[in-house]
Structure formats: structure tokens, C-alpha cells
Amino acid sequence: MSSHWWSAKKLLIFLAKSLLALLEAAIFALLPKPRKSVVGEVVLITGAGRGLGRLLALQFARLGSVLVLWDVNKEGNEETSKMAREAGATRVHAYTCDCSQREEVYRVADQVKKEIGDISILINNAGIVTGKKFLDCPDELMEKSFDVNFKAHLWTYKAFLPAMIANDHGHLVCISSSAGLVGVNGLADYCASKFAAFGFAESVFIETFAQKQKGIKTTIVCPFFINTGMFEGCTTGCPSLLPILDPEYVVRKIVDAILQEQLYLYIPKFLYFIMFLRSFLPVKMGLLLADYLGVFLAMDGFKGQKKKQ
């Protein structure tokens, strides 16, 4: 009898909590969720020397955060640092770091902790794309994709998460991709690395939740192609549903998701619908939809990021 009572009690508690969670979601769907202040928060951004990383740095500069900028390109990173100061940041620290090298990540992380202190918001943004078909992609390029797009997240988490847990305060931000949600023709290595980044960030979120570390927040971002030059030459077959994204718009959405402590952010919103359809549509219908959206041809014109002369 006691076991039946315990099972019934457990079910009732689950149903009550589920109802409250649904009610909360419904309220915040209608009313704007409160945004937290990041004034004085120490924000580390990898890949800050250009593109999305630079724009994120400028946005957090305007919000009064302390900036720690990492990039393998010293010149680009210093330019971002200068722009951030002009945007209003009073404390900006630029470090040259190759995030694909574990020992270098640990070395620079130790330097940051000694010179600045604990990181409270970690944004893993650094990324590369080869843009080659799987069998045409050299092994060293595939390894580089994993080192930058995924493994760097392991090393930065190892370096900065312990202090976040000790302080019961921190925010982990993973810039994944729509290619971390569905496979894309011509992006096998990139998709694999972004799937890995997504799965890792989600798993660490579950770990922190299970261990009741309520002060540790996570945001996982999955945007479609962004017009930063990284996917230069790529196309969309349906710009009304899957547009090539404006980087300024994407950064506003990312920062807003961080301030609202939103777990998942897919851009554009049509990606939520795609993932819903994927959960039950027959495979053939899913492939027809992908063909209609131009996914199979999206990488055909790929040129990639142009290097500075």
C-alpha cells in the first residue's frame, strides 16, 4: 500500500509542477520576461576579432560589462578592443589565443584569472568552416573544425566553470548552428562539430540542473547562415522562411536571450517548426521539404571568409 501511495504522490507532484511550468511558459509567451543586468559582469568572448564575436563585444560594451576578448588574430582582436572602448566599455582586455590548442587555452585562461579574476559569462563563439564535401576534405581540416568548433568548448568550460560553481553564478553560452540541428549537404565535418557543441552544452546544463547549481545558466544558439562572410556564396532556396541573416539582428537576439536566461535560441523562428516537423514526418517528406527549402544546394556557391591581404 505504501509503495502505491508513494507512486501516486510522485505522480501528483509531477503533474502539479508540470502545470506550473506550462503556466509560467504561457505567461512569458504573452508578457516580456524580465532581463537581468550585466553591468560589471566579466564577459569572455572567443572569436572576438571579427564578425559575430566583434558585434557581441560591442553590444556588451554598451551594457556596461567588463570584456575579455580572445582571438587568434591579434590585429583584429585589438581593433575590436578599440571599438568596444569607443562604444562605452571602460574595461577591455584582449588576449591572443588559438582556441584549437588545449594547452594554449589553459595557459591564457590562467593568465586571465590572475590578471582579471573570475569569468561570469562565457561565450564560445569561435568557429571555422571548411565548406568541402566529406571525401574532398583533408583530415587536418576536419580535425581543425572539431578543435575550434567543439573541443575548445571543453577546455574553456574546464577552465572557467569551477569558479562559476563555487560562486553559484555564471552563464555558459554556446554558439552552435542550425547545422547542429540537421545535417547539411557539403557540411559534414561542420555539422558534426556543431552537433557535438550542442550536445555538450545541453549535457552540462543537465549536469548543473541535476546537481541543483541554480546559479549556472546556459544558452544554446542555433542560427541559420549569417551574413558575416563566413558562409560567403551560400544561398537559401526560400528567403521568406529561411533568410540569410543580418548579423546585427542575430546579435540582438543572442544578447536578449542571454539577458532573459533563455536556454534555446533558434534563428529564424521557422527552425522551431522544422524541428517539430522532423519529429514525426516520414523521411521522404522531410527530404522533400529540404529540397523545397534549397538545403541540398545551399553550399554549391560557397566561397568562405576572404583573407585580408
C-alpha atoms as a PDB file:
ATOM      1  CA  MET A   1       0.000   0.000   0.000  1.00  0.00           C
ATOM      2  CA  SER A   2       2.802   2.414   0.930  1.00  0.00           C
ATOM      3  CA  SER A   3       4.534   1.870  -2.442  1.00  0.00           C
ATOM      4  CA  HIS A   4       1.271   2.648  -4.292  1.00  0.00           C
ATOM      5  CA  TRP A   5       0.778   5.768  -2.179  1.00  0.00           C
ATOM      6  CA  TRP A   6       4.355   6.883  -2.902  1.00  0.00           C
ATOM      7  CA  SER A   7       3.858   6.347  -6.664  1.00  0.00           C
ATOM      8  CA  ALA A   8       0.580   8.300  -6.617  1.00  0.00           C
ATOM      9  CA  LYS A   9       2.192  11.109  -4.598  1.00  0.00           C
ATOM     10  CA  LYS A  10       5.139  11.268  -7.011  1.00  0.00           C
ATOM     11  CA  LEU A  11       2.737  11.444  -9.989  1.00  0.00           C
ATOM     12  CA  LEU A  12       0.686  14.223  -8.387  1.00  0.00           C
ATOM     13  CA  ILE A  13       3.811  16.264  -7.631  1.00  0.00           C
ATOM     14  CA  PHE A  14       4.989  15.789 -11.214  1.00  0.00           C
ATOM     15  CA  LEU A  15       1.616  16.881 -12.616  1.00  0.00           C
ATOM     16  CA  ALA A  16       1.457  19.935 -10.343  1.00  0.00           C
ATOM     17  CA  LYS A  17       4.977  21.044 -11.251  1.00  0.00           C
ATOM     18  CA  SER A  18       4.274  20.447 -14.939  1.00  0.00           C
ATOM     19  CA  LEU A  19       1.146  22.582 -14.750  1.00  0.00           C
ATOM     20  CA  LEU A  20       3.103  25.389 -13.086  1.00  0.00           C
ATOM     21  CA  ALA A  21       5.840  25.141 -15.735  1.00  0.00           C
ATOM     22  CA  LEU A  22       3.273  25.337 -18.545  1.00  0.00           C
ATOM     23  CA  LEU A  23       1.559  28.280 -16.853  1.00  0.00           C
ATOM     24  CA  GLU A  24       4.884  30.100 -16.483  1.00  0.00           C
ATOM     25  CA  ALA A  25       5.717  29.456 -20.166  1.00  0.00           C
ATOM     26  CA  ALA A  26       2.295  30.744 -21.217  1.00  0.00           C
ATOM     27  CA  ILE A  27       2.699  33.924 -19.159  1.00  0.00           C
ATOM     28  CA  PHE A  28       6.143  34.685 -20.579  1.00  0.00           C
ATOM     29  CA  ALA A  29       4.856  33.974 -24.085  1.00  0.00           C
ATOM     30  CA  LEU A  30       2.431  36.866 -23.610  1.00  0.00           C
ATOM     31  CA  LEU A  31       4.458  39.152 -21.365  1.00  0.00           C
ATOM     32  CA  PRO A  32       8.130  40.082 -21.792  1.00  0.00           C
ATOM     33  CA  LYS A  33      10.407  38.162 -19.442  1.00  0.00           C
ATOM     34  CA  PRO A  34      12.483  40.326 -17.074  1.00  0.00           C
ATOM     35  CA  ARG A  35      16.031  40.967 -18.321  1.00  0.00           C
ATOM     36  CA  LYS A  36      18.958  40.712 -15.961  1.00  0.00           C
ATOM     37  CA  SER A  37      21.643  43.376 -15.638  1.00  0.00           C
ATOM     38  CA  VAL A  38      25.138  42.556 -16.902  1.00  0.00           C
ATOM     39  CA  VAL A  39      26.769  45.753 -15.637  1.00  0.00           C
ATOM     40  CA  GLY A  40      30.155  44.799 -14.234  1.00  0.00           C
ATOM     41  CA  GLU A  41      29.837  41.168 -15.327  1.00  0.00           C
ATOM     42  CA  VAL A  42      33.075  39.770 -16.786  1.00  0.00           C
ATOM     43  CA  VAL A  43      32.207  38.507 -20.283  1.00  0.00           C
ATOM     44  CA  LEU A  44      34.693  36.354 -22.215  1.00  0.00           C
ATOM     45  CA  ILE A  45      34.062  36.065 -25.960  1.00  0.00           C
ATOM     46  CA  THR A  46      36.086  33.705 -28.158  1.00  0.00           C
ATOM     47  CA  GLY A  47      36.484  34.607 -31.821  1.00  0.00           C
ATOM     48  CA  ALA A  48      36.111  38.292 -30.960  1.00  0.00           C
ATOM     49  CA  GLY A  49      38.354  39.595 -33.743  1.00  0.00           C
ATOM     50  CA  ARG A  50      35.647  39.909 -36.362  1.00  0.00           C
ATOM     51  CA  GLY A  51      32.089  39.015 -37.347  1.00  0.00           C
ATOM     52  CA  LEU A  52      29.624  37.894 -34.708  1.00  0.00           C
ATOM     53  CA  GLY A  53      32.207  37.949 -31.908  1.00  0.00           C
ATOM     54  CA  ARG A  54      33.051  41.593 -32.554  1.00  0.00           C
ATOM     55  CA  LEU A  55      29.386  42.599 -32.634  1.00  0.00           C
ATOM     56  CA  LEU A  56      28.713  40.714 -29.396  1.00  0.00           C
ATOM     57  CA  ALA A  57      31.613  42.568 -27.780  1.00  0.00           C
ATOM     58  CA  LEU A  58      30.199  45.933 -28.859  1.00  0.00           C
ATOM     59  CA  GLN A  59      26.754  45.054 -27.544  1.00  0.00           C
ATOM     60  CA  PHE A  60      28.076  44.015 -24.129  1.00  0.00           C
ATOM     61  CA  ALA A  61      30.255  47.144 -24.085  1.00  0.00           C
ATOM     62  CA  ARG A  62      27.093  49.232 -24.336  1.00  0.00           C
ATOM     63  CA  LEU A  63      25.573  47.239 -21.477  1.00  0.00           C
ATOM     64  CA  GLY A  64      28.445  48.062 -19.124  1.00  0.00           C
ATOM     65  CA  SER A  65      30.172  44.684 -18.982  1.00  0.00           C
ATOM     66  CA  VAL A  66      33.869  44.019 -18.476  1.00  0.00           C
ATOM     67  CA  LEU A  67      35.147  42.462 -21.702  1.00  0.00           C
ATOM     68  CA  VAL A  68      37.714  39.705 -22.156  1.00  0.00           C
ATOM     69  CA  LEU A  69      38.336  39.194 -25.872  1.00  0.00           C
ATOM     70  CA  TRP A  70      40.040  36.116 -27.304  1.00  0.00           C
ATOM     71  CA  ASP A  71      41.056  35.624 -30.901  1.00  0.00           C
ATOM     72  CA  VAL A  72      43.882  34.005 -32.838  1.00  0.00           C
ATOM     73  CA  ASN A  73      44.121  37.200 -34.933  1.00  0.00           C
ATOM     74  CA  LYS A  74      45.887  39.766 -32.726  1.00  0.00           C
ATOM     75  CA  GLU A  75      45.284  42.693 -35.099  1.00  0.00           C
ATOM     76  CA  GLY A  76      41.553  42.006 -35.456  1.00  0.00           C
ATOM     77  CA  ASN A  77      41.173  41.486 -31.723  1.00  0.00           C
ATOM     78  CA  GLU A  78      42.894  44.781 -30.907  1.00  0.00           C
ATOM     79  CA  GLU A  79      40.620  46.535 -33.395  1.00  0.00           C
ATOM     80  CA  THR A  80      37.585  45.051 -31.609  1.00  0.00           C
ATOM     81  CA  SER A  81      39.055  46.214 -28.287  1.00  0.00           C
ATOM     82  CA  LYS A  82      39.388  49.761 -29.618  1.00  0.00           C
ATOM     83  CA  MET A  83      35.834  49.743 -30.983  1.00  0.00           C
ATOM     84  CA  ALA A  84      34.487  48.408 -27.660  1.00  0.00           C
ATOM     85  CA  ARG A  85      36.084  51.288 -25.769  1.00  0.00           C
ATOM     86  CA  GLU A  86      34.577  53.729 -28.226  1.00  0.00           C
ATOM     87  CA  ALA A  87      31.210  52.044 -27.629  1.00  0.00           C
ATOM     88  CA  GLY A  88      31.444  52.777 -23.910  1.00  0.00           C
ATOM     89  CA  ALA A  89      33.355  49.893 -22.320  1.00  0.00           C
ATOM     90  CA  THR A  90      35.646  51.064 -19.511  1.00  0.00           C
ATOM     91  CA  ARG A  91      37.478  47.756 -19.067  1.00  0.00           C
ATOM     92  CA  VAL A  92      38.509  45.744 -22.117  1.00  0.00           C
ATOM     93  CA  HIS A  93      41.209  43.064 -22.131  1.00  0.00           C
ATOM     94  CA  ALA A  94      42.375  41.477 -25.382  1.00  0.00           C
ATOM     95  CA  TYR A  95      44.292  38.200 -25.467  1.00  0.00           C
ATOM     96  CA  THR A  96      45.713  36.360 -28.446  1.00  0.00           C
ATOM     97  CA  CYS A  97      44.636  32.723 -28.142  1.00  0.00           C
ATOM     98  CA  ASP A  98      44.357  29.840 -30.582  1.00  0.00           C
ATOM     99  CA  CYS A  99      41.297  28.066 -29.199  1.00  0.00           C
ATOM    100  CA  SER A 100      42.130  24.921 -31.183  1.00  0.00           C
ATOM    101  CA  GLN A 101      45.132  24.319 -28.897  1.00  0.00           C
ATOM    102  CA  ARG A 102      44.170  22.929 -25.491  1.00  0.00           C
ATOM    103  CA  GLU A 103      47.359  23.918 -23.669  1.00  0.00           C
ATOM    104  CA  GLU A 104      47.146  27.448 -25.069  1.00  0.00           C
ATOM    105  CA  VAL A 105      43.539  27.758 -23.882  1.00  0.00           C
ATOM    106  CA  TYR A 106      44.582  26.669 -20.380  1.00  0.00           C
ATOM    107  CA  ARG A 107      47.619  28.984 -20.390  1.00  0.00           C
ATOM    108  CA  VAL A 108      45.656  32.068 -21.451  1.00  0.00           C
ATOM    109  CA  ALA A 109      42.809  31.140 -19.091  1.00  0.00           C
ATOM    110  CA  ASP A 110      45.251  31.085 -16.160  1.00  0.00           C
ATOM    111  CA  GLN A 111      46.567  34.472 -17.270  1.00  0.00           C
ATOM    112  CA  VAL A 112      43.014  35.863 -17.370  1.00  0.00           C
ATOM    113  CA  LYS A 113      42.226  34.538 -13.891  1.00  0.00           C
ATOM    114  CA  LYS A 114      45.389  36.087 -12.449  1.00  0.00           C
ATOM    115  CA  GLU A 115      45.006  39.459 -14.171  1.00  0.00           C
ATOM    116  CA  ILE A 116      41.221  39.949 -14.133  1.00  0.00           C
ATOM    117  CA  GLY A 117      39.537  37.358 -11.925  1.00  0.00           C
ATOM    118  CA  ASP A 118      36.626  35.009 -12.489  1.00  0.00           C
ATOM    119  CA  ILE A 119      34.638  34.919 -15.720  1.00  0.00           C
ATOM    120  CA  SER A 120      30.878  35.212 -15.163  1.00  0.00           C
ATOM    121  CA  ILE A 121      29.639  34.944 -18.773  1.00  0.00           C
ATOM    122  CA  LEU A 122      31.480  32.634 -21.188  1.00  0.00           C
ATOM    123  CA  ILE A 123      30.540  32.910 -24.872  1.00  0.00           C
ATOM    124  CA  ASN A 124      32.056  30.163 -27.024  1.00  0.00           C
ATOM    125  CA  ASN A 125      31.733  31.831 -30.411  1.00  0.00           C
ATOM    126  CA  ALA A 126      34.953  30.967 -32.295  1.00  0.00           C
ATOM    127  CA  GLY A 127      34.278  28.843 -35.358  1.00  0.00           C
ATOM    128  CA  ILE A 128      35.602  27.812 -38.749  1.00  0.00           C
ATOM    129  CA  VAL A 129      34.042  26.162 -41.796  1.00  0.00           C
ATOM    130  CA  THR A 130      35.810  24.142 -44.484  1.00  0.00           C
ATOM    131  CA  GLY A 131      32.864  24.056 -46.903  1.00  0.00           C
ATOM    132  CA  LYS A 132      34.081  20.861 -48.578  1.00  0.00           C
ATOM    133  CA  LYS A 133      32.319  17.600 -49.304  1.00  0.00           C
ATOM    134  CA  PHE A 134      33.324  14.921 -46.807  1.00  0.00           C
ATOM    135  CA  LEU A 135      35.590  12.879 -49.107  1.00  0.00           C
ATOM    136  CA  ASP A 136      37.199  16.044 -50.503  1.00  0.00           C
ATOM    137  CA  CYS A 137      38.068  17.424 -47.068  1.00  0.00           C
ATOM    138  CA  PRO A 138      41.640  16.760 -45.860  1.00  0.00           C
ATOM    139  CA  ASP A 139      41.924  15.070 -42.473  1.00  0.00           C
ATOM    140  CA  GLU A 140      43.774  18.005 -40.923  1.00  0.00           C
ATOM    141  CA  LEU A 141      40.944  20.410 -41.866  1.00  0.00           C
ATOM    142  CA  MET A 142      38.327  18.114 -40.321  1.00  0.00           C
ATOM    143  CA  GLU A 143      40.407  17.875 -37.160  1.00  0.00           C
ATOM    144  CA  LYS A 144      40.723  21.670 -37.103  1.00  0.00           C
ATOM    145  CA  SER A 145      36.932  22.004 -37.379  1.00  0.00           C
ATOM    146  CA  PHE A 146      36.471  19.815 -34.313  1.00  0.00           C
ATOM    147  CA  ASP A 147      39.276  21.536 -32.404  1.00  0.00           C
ATOM    148  CA  VAL A 148      37.815  25.027 -32.893  1.00  0.00           C
ATOM    149  CA  ASN A 149      34.072  24.384 -33.135  1.00  0.00           C
ATOM    150  CA  PHE A 150      33.772  21.792 -30.381  1.00  0.00           C
ATOM    151  CA  LYS A 151      36.869  20.851 -28.386  1.00  0.00           C
ATOM    152  CA  ALA A 152      37.576  24.480 -27.476  1.00  0.00           C
ATOM    153  CA  HIS A 153      34.289  24.412 -25.550  1.00  0.00           C
ATOM    154  CA  LEU A 154      35.586  21.527 -23.432  1.00  0.00           C
ATOM    155  CA  TRP A 155      38.745  23.396 -22.486  1.00  0.00           C
ATOM    156  CA  THR A 156      37.068  26.736 -21.744  1.00  0.00           C
ATOM    157  CA  TYR A 157      34.419  25.028 -19.597  1.00  0.00           C
ATOM    158  CA  LYS A 158      37.147  23.148 -17.703  1.00  0.00           C
ATOM    159  CA  ALA A 159      39.000  26.433 -17.148  1.00  0.00           C
ATOM    160  CA  PHE A 160      36.127  28.674 -16.046  1.00  0.00           C
ATOM    161  CA  LEU A 161      33.190  26.537 -14.858  1.00  0.00           C
ATOM    162  CA  PRO A 162      34.679  25.562 -11.446  1.00  0.00           C
ATOM    163  CA  ALA A 163      34.754  29.206 -10.308  1.00  0.00           C
ATOM    164  CA  MET A 164      31.199  29.722 -11.570  1.00  0.00           C
ATOM    165  CA  ILE A 165      30.076  26.735  -9.492  1.00  0.00           C
ATOM    166  CA  ALA A 166      31.999  27.966  -6.429  1.00  0.00           C
ATOM    167  CA  ASN A 167      30.353  31.388  -6.793  1.00  0.00           C
ATOM    168  CA  ASP A 168      26.974  29.884  -7.750  1.00  0.00           C
ATOM    169  CA  HIS A 169      26.950  32.482 -10.505  1.00  0.00           C
ATOM    170  CA  GLY A 170      27.697  32.131 -14.198  1.00  0.00           C
ATOM    171  CA  HIS A 171      26.307  31.896 -17.697  1.00  0.00           C
ATOM    172  CA  LEU A 172      27.539  29.492 -20.386  1.00  0.00           C
ATOM    173  CA  VAL A 173      26.742  30.467 -23.983  1.00  0.00           C
ATOM    174  CA  CYS A 174      27.249  28.057 -26.863  1.00  0.00           C
ATOM    175  CA  ILE A 175      27.081  29.450 -30.394  1.00  0.00           C
ATOM    176  CA  SER A 176      26.122  26.317 -32.297  1.00  0.00           C
ATOM    177  CA  SER A 177      24.254  26.438 -35.623  1.00  0.00           C
ATOM    178  CA  SER A 178      21.173  25.270 -37.490  1.00  0.00           C
ATOM    179  CA  ALA A 179      23.762  22.811 -38.890  1.00  0.00           C
ATOM    180  CA  GLY A 180      23.970  21.485 -35.330  1.00  0.00           C
ATOM    181  CA  LEU A 181      20.303  20.504 -35.571  1.00  0.00           C
ATOM    182  CA  VAL A 182      20.064  18.911 -39.045  1.00  0.00           C
ATOM    183  CA  GLY A 183      22.600  17.529 -41.494  1.00  0.00           C
ATOM    184  CA  VAL A 184      23.527  19.731 -44.473  1.00  0.00           C
ATOM    185  CA  ASN A 185      24.934  18.667 -47.836  1.00  0.00           C
ATOM    186  CA  GLY A 186      28.573  19.797 -48.062  1.00  0.00           C
ATOM    187  CA  LEU A 187      28.941  20.477 -44.331  1.00  0.00           C
ATOM    188  CA  ALA A 188      29.574  17.026 -42.861  1.00  0.00           C
ATOM    189  CA  ASP A 189      32.525  17.983 -40.657  1.00  0.00           C
ATOM    190  CA  TYR A 190      30.980  21.324 -39.664  1.00  0.00           C
ATOM    191  CA  CYS A 191      27.637  19.697 -38.797  1.00  0.00           C
ATOM    192  CA  ALA A 192      29.368  17.023 -36.733  1.00  0.00           C
ATOM    193  CA  SER A 193      31.303  19.641 -34.748  1.00  0.00           C
ATOM    194  CA  LYS A 194      28.208  21.778 -34.171  1.00  0.00           C
ATOM    195  CA  PHE A 195      26.076  18.764 -33.171  1.00  0.00           C
ATOM    196  CA  ALA A 196      28.834  17.946 -30.675  1.00  0.00           C
ATOM    197  CA  ALA A 197      28.915  21.512 -29.318  1.00  0.00           C
ATOM    198  CA  PHE A 198      25.124  21.485 -28.897  1.00  0.00           C
ATOM    199  CA  GLY A 199      25.101  18.090 -27.187  1.00  0.00           C
ATOM    200  CA  PHE A 200      27.938  19.036 -24.873  1.00  0.00           C
ATOM    201  CA  ALA A 201      26.349  22.335 -23.803  1.00  0.00           C
ATOM    202  CA  GLU A 202      22.993  20.644 -23.243  1.00  0.00           C
ATOM    203  CA  SER A 203      24.596  17.834 -21.223  1.00  0.00           C
ATOM    204  CA  VAL A 204      26.470  20.255 -18.952  1.00  0.00           C
ATOM    205  CA  PHE A 205      23.205  22.153 -18.459  1.00  0.00           C
ATOM    206  CA  ILE A 206      21.566  18.882 -17.349  1.00  0.00           C
ATOM    207  CA  GLU A 207      24.508  18.204 -15.012  1.00  0.00           C
ATOM    208  CA  THR A 208      24.218  21.598 -13.343  1.00  0.00           C
ATOM    209  CA  PHE A 209      20.433  21.216 -13.066  1.00  0.00           C
ATOM    210  CA  ALA A 210      20.704  17.716 -11.558  1.00  0.00           C
ATOM    211  CA  GLN A 211      23.251  18.985  -9.034  1.00  0.00           C
ATOM    212  CA  LYS A 212      20.942  21.914  -8.155  1.00  0.00           C
ATOM    213  CA  GLN A 213      23.501  24.527  -9.223  1.00  0.00           C
ATOM    214  CA  LYS A 214      20.779  27.059  -9.884  1.00  0.00           C
ATOM    215  CA  GLY A 215      23.141  29.989 -10.359  1.00  0.00           C
ATOM    216  CA  ILE A 216      24.649  28.470 -13.509  1.00  0.00           C
ATOM    217  CA  LYS A 217      22.674  29.403 -16.631  1.00  0.00           C
ATOM    218  CA  THR A 218      23.028  28.086 -20.191  1.00  0.00           C
ATOM    219  CA  THR A 219      22.050  29.499 -23.582  1.00  0.00           C
ATOM    220  CA  ILE A 220      22.460  27.454 -26.783  1.00  0.00           C
ATOM    221  CA  VAL A 221      22.199  29.429 -30.029  1.00  0.00           C
ATOM    222  CA  CYS A 222      21.414  27.834 -33.400  1.00  0.00           C
ATOM    223  CA  PRO A 223      21.282  30.383 -36.233  1.00  0.00           C
ATOM    224  CA  PHE A 224      20.918  29.785 -39.970  1.00  0.00           C
ATOM    225  CA  PHE A 225      23.596  31.254 -42.290  1.00  0.00           C
ATOM    226  CA  ILE A 226      24.679  34.716 -41.117  1.00  0.00           C
ATOM    227  CA  ASN A 227      25.942  37.382 -43.480  1.00  0.00           C
ATOM    228  CA  THR A 228      29.343  37.820 -41.784  1.00  0.00           C
ATOM    229  CA  GLY A 229      31.396  36.478 -44.694  1.00  0.00           C
ATOM    230  CA  MET A 230      31.968  33.091 -43.083  1.00  0.00           C
ATOM    231  CA  PHE A 231      29.423  31.489 -45.400  1.00  0.00           C
ATOM    232  CA  GLU A 232      30.075  33.784 -48.361  1.00  0.00           C
ATOM    233  CA  GLY A 233      28.456  32.402 -51.523  1.00  0.00           C
ATOM    234  CA  CYS A 234      25.913  30.207 -49.720  1.00  0.00           C
ATOM    235  CA  THR A 235      22.273  30.510 -50.728  1.00  0.00           C
ATOM    236  CA  THR A 236      18.792  29.803 -49.484  1.00  0.00           C
ATOM    237  CA  GLY A 237      16.004  28.401 -51.621  1.00  0.00           C
ATOM    238  CA  CYS A 238      13.291  30.112 -49.569  1.00  0.00           C
ATOM    239  CA  PRO A 239      14.396  33.510 -48.234  1.00  0.00           C
ATOM    240  CA  SER A 240      10.962  34.271 -46.793  1.00  0.00           C
ATOM    241  CA  LEU A 241      11.225  31.298 -44.397  1.00  0.00           C
ATOM    242  CA  LEU A 242      14.996  30.773 -44.164  1.00  0.00           C
ATOM    243  CA  PRO A 243      16.683  34.100 -44.904  1.00  0.00           C
ATOM    244  CA  ILE A 244      20.401  34.749 -44.848  1.00  0.00           C
ATOM    245  CA  LEU A 245      20.556  36.519 -41.501  1.00  0.00           C
ATOM    246  CA  ASP A 246      21.663  40.064 -40.775  1.00  0.00           C
ATOM    247  CA  PRO A 247      24.450  39.853 -38.135  1.00  0.00           C
ATOM    248  CA  GLU A 248      23.211  42.880 -36.173  1.00  0.00           C
ATOM    249  CA  TYR A 249      19.783  41.257 -35.849  1.00  0.00           C
ATOM    250  CA  VAL A 250      21.318  37.950 -34.725  1.00  0.00           C
ATOM    251  CA  VAL A 251      23.436  39.656 -32.068  1.00  0.00           C
ATOM    252  CA  ARG A 252      20.397  41.491 -30.676  1.00  0.00           C
ATOM    253  CA  LYS A 253      18.535  38.184 -30.411  1.00  0.00           C
ATOM    254  CA  ILE A 254      21.510  36.437 -28.763  1.00  0.00           C
ATOM    255  CA  VAL A 255      22.048  39.161 -26.175  1.00  0.00           C
ATOM    256  CA  ASP A 256      18.326  39.308 -25.463  1.00  0.00           C
ATOM    257  CA  ALA A 257      18.284  35.508 -24.933  1.00  0.00           C
ATOM    258  CA  ILE A 258      21.227  35.791 -22.526  1.00  0.00           C
ATOM    259  CA  LEU A 259      19.578  38.622 -20.579  1.00  0.00           C
ATOM    260  CA  GLN A 260      16.360  36.569 -20.316  1.00  0.00           C
ATOM    261  CA  GLU A 261      18.318  33.398 -19.450  1.00  0.00           C
ATOM    262  CA  GLN A 262      16.715  31.559 -22.356  1.00  0.00           C
ATOM    263  CA  LEU A 263      18.025  28.006 -22.827  1.00  0.00           C
ATOM    264  CA  TYR A 264      17.468  27.520 -26.576  1.00  0.00           C
ATOM    265  CA  LEU A 265      17.531  30.158 -29.298  1.00  0.00           C
ATOM    266  CA  TYR A 266      16.874  29.146 -32.925  1.00  0.00           C
ATOM    267  CA  ILE A 267      17.078  31.853 -35.594  1.00  0.00           C
ATOM    268  CA  PRO A 268      14.864  32.316 -37.569  1.00  0.00           C
ATOM    269  CA  LYS A 269      11.837  31.052 -35.669  1.00  0.00           C
ATOM    270  CA  PHE A 270      10.940  28.810 -38.611  1.00  0.00           C
ATOM    271  CA  LEU A 271      13.668  26.449 -37.337  1.00  0.00           C
ATOM    272  CA  TYR A 272      11.465  25.588 -34.335  1.00  0.00           C
ATOM    273  CA  PHE A 273       8.763  24.479 -36.768  1.00  0.00           C
ATOM    274  CA  ILE A 274      11.272  22.460 -38.814  1.00  0.00           C
ATOM    275  CA  MET A 275      12.405  20.602 -35.698  1.00  0.00           C
ATOM    276  CA  PHE A 276       8.779  19.931 -34.774  1.00  0.00           C
ATOM    277  CA  LEU A 277       8.036  18.528 -38.235  1.00  0.00           C
ATOM    278  CA  ARG A 278      11.198  16.442 -38.158  1.00  0.00           C
ATOM    279  CA  SER A 279       9.978  14.654 -35.041  1.00  0.00           C
ATOM    280  CA  PHE A 280       7.095  12.932 -36.854  1.00  0.00           C
ATOM    281  CA  LEU A 281       7.273  13.422 -40.639  1.00  0.00           C
ATOM    282  CA  PRO A 282       8.227  10.418 -42.796  1.00  0.00           C
ATOM    283  CA  VAL A 283      11.824  10.622 -44.009  1.00  0.00           C
ATOM    284  CA  LYS A 284      10.762  11.092 -47.645  1.00  0.00           C
ATOM    285  CA  MET A 285       8.585  14.088 -46.730  1.00  0.00           C
ATOM    286  CA  GLY A 286      11.453  15.563 -44.734  1.00  0.00           C
ATOM    287  CA  LEU A 287      13.744  15.230 -47.745  1.00  0.00           C
ATOM    288  CA  LEU A 288      11.121  16.844 -49.981  1.00  0.00           C
ATOM    289  CA  LEU A 289      10.897  19.765 -47.555  1.00  0.00           C
ATOM    290  CA  ALA A 290      14.692  20.094 -47.509  1.00  0.00           C
ATOM    291  CA  ASP A 291      14.717  20.111 -51.313  1.00  0.00           C
ATOM    292  CA  TYR A 292      11.988  22.788 -51.393  1.00  0.00           C
ATOM    293  CA  LEU A 293      13.977  24.954 -48.963  1.00  0.00           C
ATOM    294  CA  GLY A 294      17.105  24.605 -51.103  1.00  0.00           C
ATOM    295  CA  VAL A 295      19.127  22.844 -48.407  1.00  0.00           C
ATOM    296  CA  PHE A 296      20.756  20.421 -50.871  1.00  0.00           C
ATOM    297  CA  LEU A 297      22.150  23.283 -52.988  1.00  0.00           C
ATOM    298  CA  ALA A 298      22.903  25.789 -50.209  1.00  0.00           C
ATOM    299  CA  MET A 299      26.670  25.166 -50.232  1.00  0.00           C
ATOM    300  CA  ASP A 300      27.160  24.921 -54.008  1.00  0.00           C
ATOM    301  CA  GLY A 301      28.378  28.510 -54.363  1.00  0.00           C
ATOM    302  CA  PHE A 302      30.412  28.541 -51.131  1.00  0.00           C
ATOM    303  CA  LYS A 303      33.458  30.842 -51.196  1.00  0.00           C
ATOM    304  CA  GLY A 304      34.027  31.334 -47.473  1.00  0.00           C
ATOM    305  CA  GLN A 305      35.723  34.041 -45.496  1.00  0.00           C
ATOM    306  CA  LYS A 306      38.086  36.161 -47.557  1.00  0.00           C
ATOM    307  CA  LYS A 307      41.503  36.581 -46.011  1.00  0.00           C
ATOM    308  CA  LYS A 308      42.881  40.068 -45.528  1.00  0.00           C
ATOM    309  CA  GLN A 309      45.725  40.932 -47.870  1.00  0.00           C
END
